[in-house]
Amino acid sequence: MVASEPWYLPVGDEVQVFEAAWRARLPVLLKGPTGCGKTRFIEHMAWRLSGQPLVTVACHEDLTANDLVGRYLLSADSTVWTDGPLTRAVRTGAICYLDEVVEARKDTTVVIHPLTDHRRVLPIEKTGELLEAHPDFLLVISYNPGYQSSLKDLKPSTRQRFVSLEFHYPAVEVEATIVAHESGVDAAMAHRLATIGDKVRALREHGLADGVSTRLLVYTGQLIAGGIAPRRACDIAITHAISDEADVQQAVADIVDVLLP
């Protein structure tokens, strides 16, 4: 359970839309680039919904259906069934958040299908149980469309079971407010960092898909607030963090030189 309010600054109607989806118990897909606030948003919404319990699973290519649902484990001279995080959320009525779901294998994500339509059930094959979802259970998944490929994308049979909320990096003024609040730098420095972020994201000709995330701008601000010189902080948390390509690093450094004279 999220004990205290995670700070989140809305940039559109995402709070109202999520609350409507929650009331209707509609599964939700959060779609957007890395570090744009998807995880913070779901943490904020879990708190906002009367402290709704939140179970988060960081998906990866080795994640199996057993990892989500559960497995038998040895205990003394017997085997004991242990629920996985998805099953715990279904039983207790938590929000289950599958972060970067496309990283998981396709045969793993299929297990969520019966939970995302009118049935709202989780078949547990190894125990023979057909678990009905708690009335408060909600499934939320996220992914970054910028990393799509033929091998890493949601199947239509999965995608069309969710309502979709699309996230983008915020406008400069909004992002400056976020950076100032999260890092502790003053408003002027936060605005410079947000402007750097905006300019770096425009480097499409250098093959930079997402650019610098809001998260990295906050990291930069935290370094500056901790006593690191602004240009050095940008070098550490932006220039060398987003790419190993020399031409990209030089282009980013040029932007920093202009905005942090």
C-alpha atoms as a PDB file:
ATOM      1  CA  MET A   1       0.000   0.000   0.000  1.00  0.00           C
ATOM      2  CA  VAL A   2       1.235   3.501  -0.874  1.00  0.00           C
ATOM      3  CA  ALA A   3       1.429   5.107   2.582  1.00  0.00           C
ATOM      4  CA  SER A   4       1.975   8.773   1.693  1.00  0.00           C
ATOM      5  CA  GLU A   5       0.977  10.841  -1.303  1.00  0.00           C
ATOM      6  CA  PRO A   6       3.433  10.522  -4.211  1.00  0.00           C
ATOM      7  CA  TRP A   7       3.715  13.991  -5.752  1.00  0.00           C
ATOM      8  CA  TYR A   8       2.403  14.104  -9.304  1.00  0.00           C
ATOM      9  CA  LEU A   9       1.625  17.103 -11.508  1.00  0.00           C
ATOM     10  CA  PRO A  10      -1.170  16.360 -14.021  1.00  0.00           C
ATOM     11  CA  VAL A  11      -0.528  17.518 -17.570  1.00  0.00           C
ATOM     12  CA  GLY A  12      -3.960  16.692 -18.990  1.00  0.00           C
ATOM     13  CA  ASP A  13      -7.081  14.759 -18.032  1.00  0.00           C
ATOM     14  CA  GLU A  14      -5.208  11.561 -17.128  1.00  0.00           C
ATOM     15  CA  VAL A  15      -6.346  11.616 -13.485  1.00  0.00           C
ATOM     16  CA  GLN A  16     -10.026  11.939 -14.405  1.00  0.00           C
ATOM     17  CA  VAL A  17      -9.756   9.271 -17.116  1.00  0.00           C
ATOM     18  CA  PHE A  18      -8.048   6.807 -14.789  1.00  0.00           C
ATOM     19  CA  GLU A  19     -10.644   7.391 -12.065  1.00  0.00           C
ATOM     20  CA  ALA A  20     -13.412   6.689 -14.592  1.00  0.00           C
ATOM     21  CA  ALA A  21     -11.642   3.495 -15.703  1.00  0.00           C
ATOM     22  CA  TRP A  22     -11.248   2.476 -12.062  1.00  0.00           C
ATOM     23  CA  ARG A  23     -14.959   2.944 -11.352  1.00  0.00           C
ATOM     24  CA  ALA A  24     -15.795   0.767 -14.374  1.00  0.00           C
ATOM     25  CA  ARG A  25     -12.956  -1.683 -13.530  1.00  0.00           C
ATOM     26  CA  LEU A  26     -11.526  -1.294 -17.022  1.00  0.00           C
ATOM     27  CA  PRO A  27      -7.915  -2.490 -17.456  1.00  0.00           C
ATOM     28  CA  VAL A  28      -5.586   0.386 -18.336  1.00  0.00           C
ATOM     29  CA  LEU A  29      -2.558   0.651 -20.634  1.00  0.00           C
ATOM     30  CA  LEU A  30      -0.071   3.458 -19.911  1.00  0.00           C
ATOM     31  CA  LYS A  31       1.915   4.230 -23.039  1.00  0.00           C
ATOM     32  CA  GLY A  32       4.821   6.633 -23.296  1.00  0.00           C
ATOM     33  CA  PRO A  33       8.589   7.181 -23.415  1.00  0.00           C
ATOM     34  CA  THR A  34      10.928   6.207 -20.634  1.00  0.00           C
ATOM     35  CA  GLY A  35      11.104   8.459 -17.588  1.00  0.00           C
ATOM     36  CA  CYS A  36       8.012  10.525 -18.437  1.00  0.00           C
ATOM     37  CA  GLY A  37       6.106   9.769 -15.218  1.00  0.00           C
ATOM     38  CA  LYS A  38       4.091   6.607 -15.877  1.00  0.00           C
ATOM     39  CA  THR A  39       5.178   4.824 -12.698  1.00  0.00           C
ATOM     40  CA  ARG A  40       4.809   7.928 -10.549  1.00  0.00           C
ATOM     41  CA  PHE A  41       1.327   8.405 -12.005  1.00  0.00           C
ATOM     42  CA  ILE A  42       0.146   4.925 -11.055  1.00  0.00           C
ATOM     43  CA  GLU A  43       1.632   5.316  -7.563  1.00  0.00           C
ATOM     44  CA  HIS A  44      -0.214   8.610  -7.204  1.00  0.00           C
ATOM     45  CA  MET A  45      -3.475   7.090  -8.413  1.00  0.00           C
ATOM     46  CA  ALA A  46      -3.166   4.147  -6.016  1.00  0.00           C
ATOM     47  CA  TRP A  47      -2.836   6.635  -3.154  1.00  0.00           C
ATOM     48  CA  ARG A  48      -5.621   8.830  -4.535  1.00  0.00           C
ATOM     49  CA  LEU A  49      -8.042   5.898  -4.699  1.00  0.00           C
ATOM     50  CA  SER A  50      -8.307   5.694  -0.906  1.00  0.00           C
ATOM     51  CA  GLY A  51      -4.895   4.104  -0.509  1.00  0.00           C
ATOM     52  CA  GLN A  52      -5.542   1.229  -2.904  1.00  0.00           C
ATOM     53  CA  PRO A  53      -2.842  -1.479  -2.531  1.00  0.00           C
ATOM     54  CA  LEU A  54      -0.360  -1.518  -5.411  1.00  0.00           C
ATOM     55  CA  VAL A  55       1.592  -4.561  -6.618  1.00  0.00           C
ATOM     56  CA  THR A  56       4.312  -3.692  -9.143  1.00  0.00           C
ATOM     57  CA  VAL A  57       6.064  -6.212 -11.395  1.00  0.00           C
ATOM     58  CA  ALA A  58       9.069  -5.150 -13.480  1.00  0.00           C
ATOM     59  CA  CYS A  59       8.701  -7.300 -16.597  1.00  0.00           C
ATOM     60  CA  HIS A  60      11.713  -8.871 -18.325  1.00  0.00           C
ATOM     61  CA  GLU A  61      12.399 -11.500 -20.955  1.00  0.00           C
ATOM     62  CA  ASP A  62      12.853 -14.282 -18.396  1.00  0.00           C
ATOM     63  CA  LEU A  63       9.542 -13.580 -16.645  1.00  0.00           C
ATOM     64  CA  THR A  64       7.375 -16.718 -16.776  1.00  0.00           C
ATOM     65  CA  ALA A  65       3.682 -17.275 -16.168  1.00  0.00           C
ATOM     66  CA  ASN A  66       4.663 -19.101 -12.968  1.00  0.00           C
ATOM     67  CA  ASP A  67       6.486 -15.980 -11.788  1.00  0.00           C
ATOM     68  CA  LEU A  68       3.218 -14.063 -12.093  1.00  0.00           C
ATOM     69  CA  VAL A  69       0.724 -16.706 -10.970  1.00  0.00           C
ATOM     70  CA  GLY A  70       2.687 -18.762  -8.427  1.00  0.00           C
ATOM     71  CA  ARG A  71       4.333 -22.130  -7.926  1.00  0.00           C
ATOM     72  CA  TYR A  72       4.775 -25.022  -5.525  1.00  0.00           C
ATOM     73  CA  LEU A  73       7.811 -24.628  -3.283  1.00  0.00           C
ATOM     74  CA  LEU A  74       9.509 -27.160  -1.041  1.00  0.00           C
ATOM     75  CA  SER A  75       8.790 -26.690   2.674  1.00  0.00           C
ATOM     76  CA  ALA A  76      10.236 -29.278   5.070  1.00  0.00           C
ATOM     77  CA  ASP A  77       8.884 -32.627   3.803  1.00  0.00           C
ATOM     78  CA  SER A  78       6.097 -31.231   1.635  1.00  0.00           C
ATOM     79  CA  THR A  79       5.372 -28.788  -1.141  1.00  0.00           C
ATOM     80  CA  VAL A  80       3.413 -25.622  -0.483  1.00  0.00           C
ATOM     81  CA  TRP A  81       1.651 -23.482  -3.034  1.00  0.00           C
ATOM     82  CA  THR A  82       2.856 -19.855  -3.048  1.00  0.00           C
ATOM     83  CA  ASP A  83       0.900 -17.170  -4.866  1.00  0.00           C
ATOM     84  CA  GLY A  84       2.747 -14.971  -7.348  1.00  0.00           C
ATOM     85  CA  PRO A  85       2.274 -11.177  -7.392  1.00  0.00           C
ATOM     86  CA  LEU A  86      -0.566 -11.263  -9.917  1.00  0.00           C
ATOM     87  CA  THR A  87      -2.491 -13.858  -7.924  1.00  0.00           C
ATOM     88  CA  ARG A  88      -1.980 -11.908  -4.680  1.00  0.00           C
ATOM     89  CA  ALA A  89      -3.373  -8.795  -6.316  1.00  0.00           C
ATOM     90  CA  VAL A  90      -6.371 -10.703  -7.722  1.00  0.00           C
ATOM     91  CA  ARG A  91      -7.152 -12.218  -4.313  1.00  0.00           C
ATOM     92  CA  THR A  92      -6.758  -9.064  -2.249  1.00  0.00           C
ATOM     93  CA  GLY A  93      -8.166  -6.453  -4.608  1.00  0.00           C
ATOM     94  CA  ALA A  94      -4.949  -4.575  -5.350  1.00  0.00           C
ATOM     95  CA  ILE A  95      -3.898  -2.697  -8.457  1.00  0.00           C
ATOM     96  CA  CYS A  96      -1.418  -4.924 -10.308  1.00  0.00           C
ATOM     97  CA  TYR A  97       1.008  -2.874 -12.393  1.00  0.00           C
ATOM     98  CA  LEU A  98       3.021  -4.765 -15.033  1.00  0.00           C
ATOM     99  CA  ASP A  99       5.778  -2.309 -15.947  1.00  0.00           C
ATOM    100  CA  GLU A 100       7.197  -2.542 -19.506  1.00  0.00           C
ATOM    101  CA  VAL A 101       4.985  -5.509 -20.276  1.00  0.00           C
ATOM    102  CA  VAL A 102       6.388  -6.011 -23.796  1.00  0.00           C
ATOM    103  CA  GLU A 103       9.654  -7.148 -22.230  1.00  0.00           C
ATOM    104  CA  ALA A 104       7.881 -10.298 -21.018  1.00  0.00           C
ATOM    105  CA  ARG A 105       7.479 -13.344 -23.267  1.00  0.00           C
ATOM    106  CA  LYS A 106       4.273 -13.594 -25.286  1.00  0.00           C
ATOM    107  CA  ASP A 107       3.295 -16.880 -23.619  1.00  0.00           C
ATOM    108  CA  THR A 108       3.564 -15.116 -20.259  1.00  0.00           C
ATOM    109  CA  THR A 109       1.322 -12.175 -21.042  1.00  0.00           C
ATOM    110  CA  VAL A 110      -1.451 -14.443 -22.352  1.00  0.00           C
ATOM    111  CA  VAL A 111      -2.172 -15.388 -18.728  1.00  0.00           C
ATOM    112  CA  ILE A 112      -3.710 -11.944 -18.137  1.00  0.00           C
ATOM    113  CA  HIS A 113      -6.356 -12.284 -20.865  1.00  0.00           C
ATOM    114  CA  PRO A 114      -9.154 -13.821 -18.726  1.00  0.00           C
ATOM    115  CA  LEU A 115      -8.690 -10.967 -16.234  1.00  0.00           C
ATOM    116  CA  THR A 116      -9.222  -8.271 -18.837  1.00  0.00           C
ATOM    117  CA  ASP A 117     -12.703  -9.026 -20.124  1.00  0.00           C
ATOM    118  CA  HIS A 118     -16.129  -9.665 -18.584  1.00  0.00           C
ATOM    119  CA  ARG A 119     -14.928 -12.886 -16.914  1.00  0.00           C
ATOM    120  CA  ARG A 120     -12.380 -11.257 -14.571  1.00  0.00           C
ATOM    121  CA  VAL A 121     -10.970 -14.638 -13.577  1.00  0.00           C
ATOM    122  CA  LEU A 122      -7.486 -16.096 -13.220  1.00  0.00           C
ATOM    123  CA  PRO A 123      -7.159 -19.806 -14.042  1.00  0.00           C
ATOM    124  CA  ILE A 124      -4.463 -21.400 -11.884  1.00  0.00           C
ATOM    125  CA  GLU A 125      -3.708 -24.585 -13.794  1.00  0.00           C
ATOM    126  CA  LYS A 126      -1.390 -26.162 -11.235  1.00  0.00           C
ATOM    127  CA  THR A 127      -3.994 -26.046  -8.455  1.00  0.00           C
ATOM    128  CA  GLY A 128      -7.098 -26.381 -10.612  1.00  0.00           C
ATOM    129  CA  GLU A 129      -8.472 -23.147  -9.144  1.00  0.00           C
ATOM    130  CA  LEU A 130     -10.507 -20.669 -11.155  1.00  0.00           C
ATOM    131  CA  LEU A 131      -9.920 -17.543  -9.102  1.00  0.00           C
ATOM    132  CA  GLU A 132     -12.499 -14.792  -9.415  1.00  0.00           C
ATOM    133  CA  ALA A 133     -11.010 -11.329  -9.137  1.00  0.00           C
ATOM    134  CA  HIS A 134     -11.733  -9.298  -6.027  1.00  0.00           C
ATOM    135  CA  PRO A 135     -14.181  -6.465  -6.838  1.00  0.00           C
ATOM    136  CA  ASP A 136     -11.417  -3.881  -6.294  1.00  0.00           C
ATOM    137  CA  PHE A 137      -8.798  -5.593  -8.473  1.00  0.00           C
ATOM    138  CA  LEU A 138      -7.499  -3.588 -11.429  1.00  0.00           C
ATOM    139  CA  LEU A 139      -4.844  -4.525 -13.984  1.00  0.00           C
ATOM    140  CA  VAL A 140      -2.560  -1.792 -15.344  1.00  0.00           C
ATOM    141  CA  ILE A 141       0.253  -2.339 -17.851  1.00  0.00           C
ATOM    142  CA  SER A 142       2.798   0.014 -19.401  1.00  0.00           C
ATOM    143  CA  TYR A 143       5.255   0.073 -22.258  1.00  0.00           C
ATOM    144  CA  ASN A 144       7.411   2.409 -24.308  1.00  0.00           C
ATOM    145  CA  PRO A 145       6.259   2.582 -27.958  1.00  0.00           C
ATOM    146  CA  GLY A 146       9.649   4.001 -28.943  1.00  0.00           C
ATOM    147  CA  TYR A 147      11.227   0.593 -28.487  1.00  0.00           C
ATOM    148  CA  GLN A 148       8.687  -1.306 -30.581  1.00  0.00           C
ATOM    149  CA  SER A 149       9.817  -3.964 -32.990  1.00  0.00           C
ATOM    150  CA  SER A 150       8.196  -6.953 -34.608  1.00  0.00           C
ATOM    151  CA  LEU A 151       9.385  -9.005 -31.653  1.00  0.00           C
ATOM    152  CA  LYS A 152       8.553  -6.492 -28.901  1.00  0.00           C
ATOM    153  CA  ASP A 153       5.066  -5.190 -29.365  1.00  0.00           C
ATOM    154  CA  LEU A 154       1.680  -5.962 -27.853  1.00  0.00           C
ATOM    155  CA  LYS A 155      -0.394  -8.445 -29.791  1.00  0.00           C
ATOM    156  CA  PRO A 156      -3.747  -7.010 -30.927  1.00  0.00           C
ATOM    157  CA  SER A 157      -5.492  -9.655 -28.823  1.00  0.00           C
ATOM    158  CA  THR A 158      -3.793  -8.143 -25.765  1.00  0.00           C
ATOM    159  CA  ARG A 159      -3.797  -4.455 -26.706  1.00  0.00           C
ATOM    160  CA  GLN A 160      -7.530  -4.347 -27.423  1.00  0.00           C
ATOM    161  CA  ARG A 161      -8.383  -5.510 -23.914  1.00  0.00           C
ATOM    162  CA  PHE A 162      -7.180  -2.202 -22.420  1.00  0.00           C
ATOM    163  CA  VAL A 163      -8.149   1.438 -22.496  1.00  0.00           C
ATOM    164  CA  SER A 164      -5.060   3.440 -23.364  1.00  0.00           C
ATOM    165  CA  LEU A 165      -3.619   6.536 -21.698  1.00  0.00           C
ATOM    166  CA  GLU A 166      -0.805   8.099 -23.705  1.00  0.00           C
ATOM    167  CA  PHE A 167       1.954   9.988 -21.907  1.00  0.00           C
ATOM    168  CA  HIS A 168       4.447  12.453 -23.384  1.00  0.00           C
ATOM    169  CA  TYR A 169       7.228  14.567 -21.979  1.00  0.00           C
ATOM    170  CA  PRO A 170       5.593  17.723 -20.566  1.00  0.00           C
ATOM    171  CA  ALA A 171       5.913  21.242 -21.936  1.00  0.00           C
ATOM    172  CA  VAL A 172       8.910  23.251 -20.736  1.00  0.00           C
ATOM    173  CA  GLU A 173       7.028  25.278 -18.114  1.00  0.00           C
ATOM    174  CA  VAL A 174       5.394  22.186 -16.637  1.00  0.00           C
ATOM    175  CA  GLU A 175       8.607  20.175 -16.711  1.00  0.00           C
ATOM    176  CA  ALA A 176      10.464  23.039 -15.005  1.00  0.00           C
ATOM    177  CA  THR A 177       7.939  22.902 -12.163  1.00  0.00           C
ATOM    178  CA  ILE A 178       8.489  19.144 -11.840  1.00  0.00           C
ATOM    179  CA  VAL A 179      12.289  19.460 -11.882  1.00  0.00           C
ATOM    180  CA  ALA A 180      12.252  22.234  -9.275  1.00  0.00           C
ATOM    181  CA  HIS A 181       9.955  20.288  -6.958  1.00  0.00           C
ATOM    182  CA  GLU A 182      11.748  16.948  -7.279  1.00  0.00           C
ATOM    183  CA  SER A 183      15.360  18.143  -7.251  1.00  0.00           C
ATOM    184  CA  GLY A 184      15.415  21.237  -5.062  1.00  0.00           C
ATOM    185  CA  VAL A 185      17.051  23.608  -7.571  1.00  0.00           C
ATOM    186  CA  ASP A 186      15.646  27.105  -7.962  1.00  0.00           C
ATOM    187  CA  ALA A 187      13.070  28.000 -10.601  1.00  0.00           C
ATOM    188  CA  ALA A 188      15.599  29.605 -12.968  1.00  0.00           C
ATOM    189  CA  MET A 189      17.879  26.567 -13.019  1.00  0.00           C
ATOM    190  CA  ALA A 190      14.912  24.208 -13.331  1.00  0.00           C
ATOM    191  CA  HIS A 191      13.733  26.176 -16.373  1.00  0.00           C
ATOM    192  CA  ARG A 192      17.192  25.941 -17.980  1.00  0.00           C
ATOM    193  CA  LEU A 193      17.265  22.183 -17.425  1.00  0.00           C
ATOM    194  CA  ALA A 194      13.761  21.765 -18.858  1.00  0.00           C
ATOM    195  CA  THR A 195      14.786  23.811 -21.892  1.00  0.00           C
ATOM    196  CA  ILE A 196      17.850  21.605 -22.354  1.00  0.00           C
ATOM    197  CA  GLY A 197      15.543  18.593 -22.254  1.00  0.00           C
ATOM    198  CA  ASP A 198      13.263  20.115 -24.882  1.00  0.00           C
ATOM    199  CA  LYS A 199      16.174  20.966 -27.209  1.00  0.00           C
ATOM    200  CA  VAL A 200      17.822  17.565 -26.818  1.00  0.00           C
ATOM    201  CA  ARG A 201      14.576  15.791 -27.727  1.00  0.00           C
ATOM    202  CA  ALA A 202      14.588  17.708 -31.000  1.00  0.00           C
ATOM    203  CA  LEU A 203      17.785  15.929 -32.104  1.00  0.00           C
ATOM    204  CA  ARG A 204      15.904  13.510 -34.313  1.00  0.00           C
ATOM    205  CA  GLU A 205      18.471  13.849 -37.095  1.00  0.00           C
ATOM    206  CA  HIS A 206      21.030  12.222 -34.797  1.00  0.00           C
ATOM    207  CA  GLY A 207      18.829   9.153 -34.353  1.00  0.00           C
ATOM    208  CA  LEU A 208      17.792  10.022 -30.802  1.00  0.00           C
ATOM    209  CA  ALA A 209      14.364   8.413 -30.379  1.00  0.00           C
ATOM    210  CA  ASP A 210      13.325   9.611 -26.923  1.00  0.00           C
ATOM    211  CA  GLY A 211      15.927  12.159 -25.942  1.00  0.00           C
ATOM    212  CA  VAL A 212      16.513  12.943 -22.296  1.00  0.00           C
ATOM    213  CA  SER A 213      13.848  11.837 -19.819  1.00  0.00           C
ATOM    214  CA  THR A 214      12.289  13.993 -17.136  1.00  0.00           C
ATOM    215  CA  ARG A 215      13.851  11.538 -14.684  1.00  0.00           C
ATOM    216  CA  LEU A 216      17.361  12.400 -15.927  1.00  0.00           C
ATOM    217  CA  LEU A 217      16.616  16.125 -15.690  1.00  0.00           C
ATOM    218  CA  VAL A 218      15.613  15.582 -12.067  1.00  0.00           C
ATOM    219  CA  TYR A 219      18.831  13.635 -11.465  1.00  0.00           C
ATOM    220  CA  THR A 220      20.776  16.551 -12.961  1.00  0.00           C
ATOM    221  CA  GLY A 221      18.985  18.980 -10.666  1.00  0.00           C
ATOM    222  CA  GLN A 222      19.713  16.800  -7.653  1.00  0.00           C
ATOM    223  CA  LEU A 223      23.425  16.771  -8.509  1.00  0.00           C
ATOM    224  CA  ILE A 224      23.408  20.551  -8.837  1.00  0.00           C
ATOM    225  CA  ALA A 225      21.529  20.913  -5.553  1.00  0.00           C
ATOM    226  CA  GLY A 226      24.187  18.648  -4.013  1.00  0.00           C
ATOM    227  CA  GLY A 227      27.004  20.976  -5.022  1.00  0.00           C
ATOM    228  CA  ILE A 228      28.058  19.670  -8.456  1.00  0.00           C
ATOM    229  CA  ALA A 229      28.717  22.406 -11.028  1.00  0.00           C
ATOM    230  CA  PRO A 230      25.792  22.664 -13.478  1.00  0.00           C
ATOM    231  CA  ARG A 231      27.807  21.836 -16.605  1.00  0.00           C
ATOM    232  CA  ARG A 232      29.439  18.867 -14.909  1.00  0.00           C
ATOM    233  CA  ALA A 233      26.047  17.652 -13.680  1.00  0.00           C
ATOM    234  CA  CYS A 234      24.682  17.839 -17.240  1.00  0.00           C
ATOM    235  CA  ASP A 235      27.724  15.978 -18.528  1.00  0.00           C
ATOM    236  CA  ILE A 236      27.157  13.160 -16.033  1.00  0.00           C
ATOM    237  CA  ALA A 237      23.376  12.860 -16.035  1.00  0.00           C
ATOM    238  CA  ILE A 238      22.466  13.928 -19.580  1.00  0.00           C
ATOM    239  CA  THR A 239      25.264  13.983 -22.173  1.00  0.00           C
ATOM    240  CA  HIS A 240      26.862  10.644 -21.308  1.00  0.00           C
ATOM    241  CA  ALA A 241      23.698   9.040 -19.939  1.00  0.00           C
ATOM    242  CA  ILE A 242      21.584   9.115 -23.088  1.00  0.00           C
ATOM    243  CA  SER A 243      24.101   7.915 -25.684  1.00  0.00           C
ATOM    244  CA  ASP A 244      27.560   6.482 -26.286  1.00  0.00           C
ATOM    245  CA  GLU A 245      27.714   7.994 -29.779  1.00  0.00           C
ATOM    246  CA  ALA A 246      30.305  10.759 -30.001  1.00  0.00           C
ATOM    247  CA  ASP A 247      28.296  12.898 -32.433  1.00  0.00           C
ATOM    248  CA  VAL A 248      25.194  12.718 -30.245  1.00  0.00           C
ATOM    249  CA  GLN A 249      27.212  13.615 -27.149  1.00  0.00           C
ATOM    250  CA  GLN A 250      28.739  16.588 -28.948  1.00  0.00           C
ATOM    251  CA  ALA A 251      25.334  17.816 -30.109  1.00  0.00           C
ATOM    252  CA  VAL A 252      23.997  17.602 -26.557  1.00  0.00           C
ATOM    253  CA  ALA A 253      27.105  19.329 -25.168  1.00  0.00           C
ATOM    254  CA  ASP A 254      26.590  22.174 -27.655  1.00  0.00           C
ATOM    255  CA  ILE A 255      23.054  22.677 -26.362  1.00  0.00           C
ATOM    256  CA  VAL A 256      24.292  22.695 -22.757  1.00  0.00           C
ATOM    257  CA  ASP A 257      26.995  25.249 -23.670  1.00  0.00           C
ATOM    258  CA  VAL A 258      24.387  27.627 -25.051  1.00  0.00           C
ATOM    259  CA  LEU A 259      21.906  27.306 -22.187  1.00  0.00           C
ATOM    260  CA  LEU A 260      24.430  27.162 -19.340  1.00  0.00           C
ATOM    261  CA  PRO A 261      26.942  29.861 -20.329  1.00  0.00           C
END
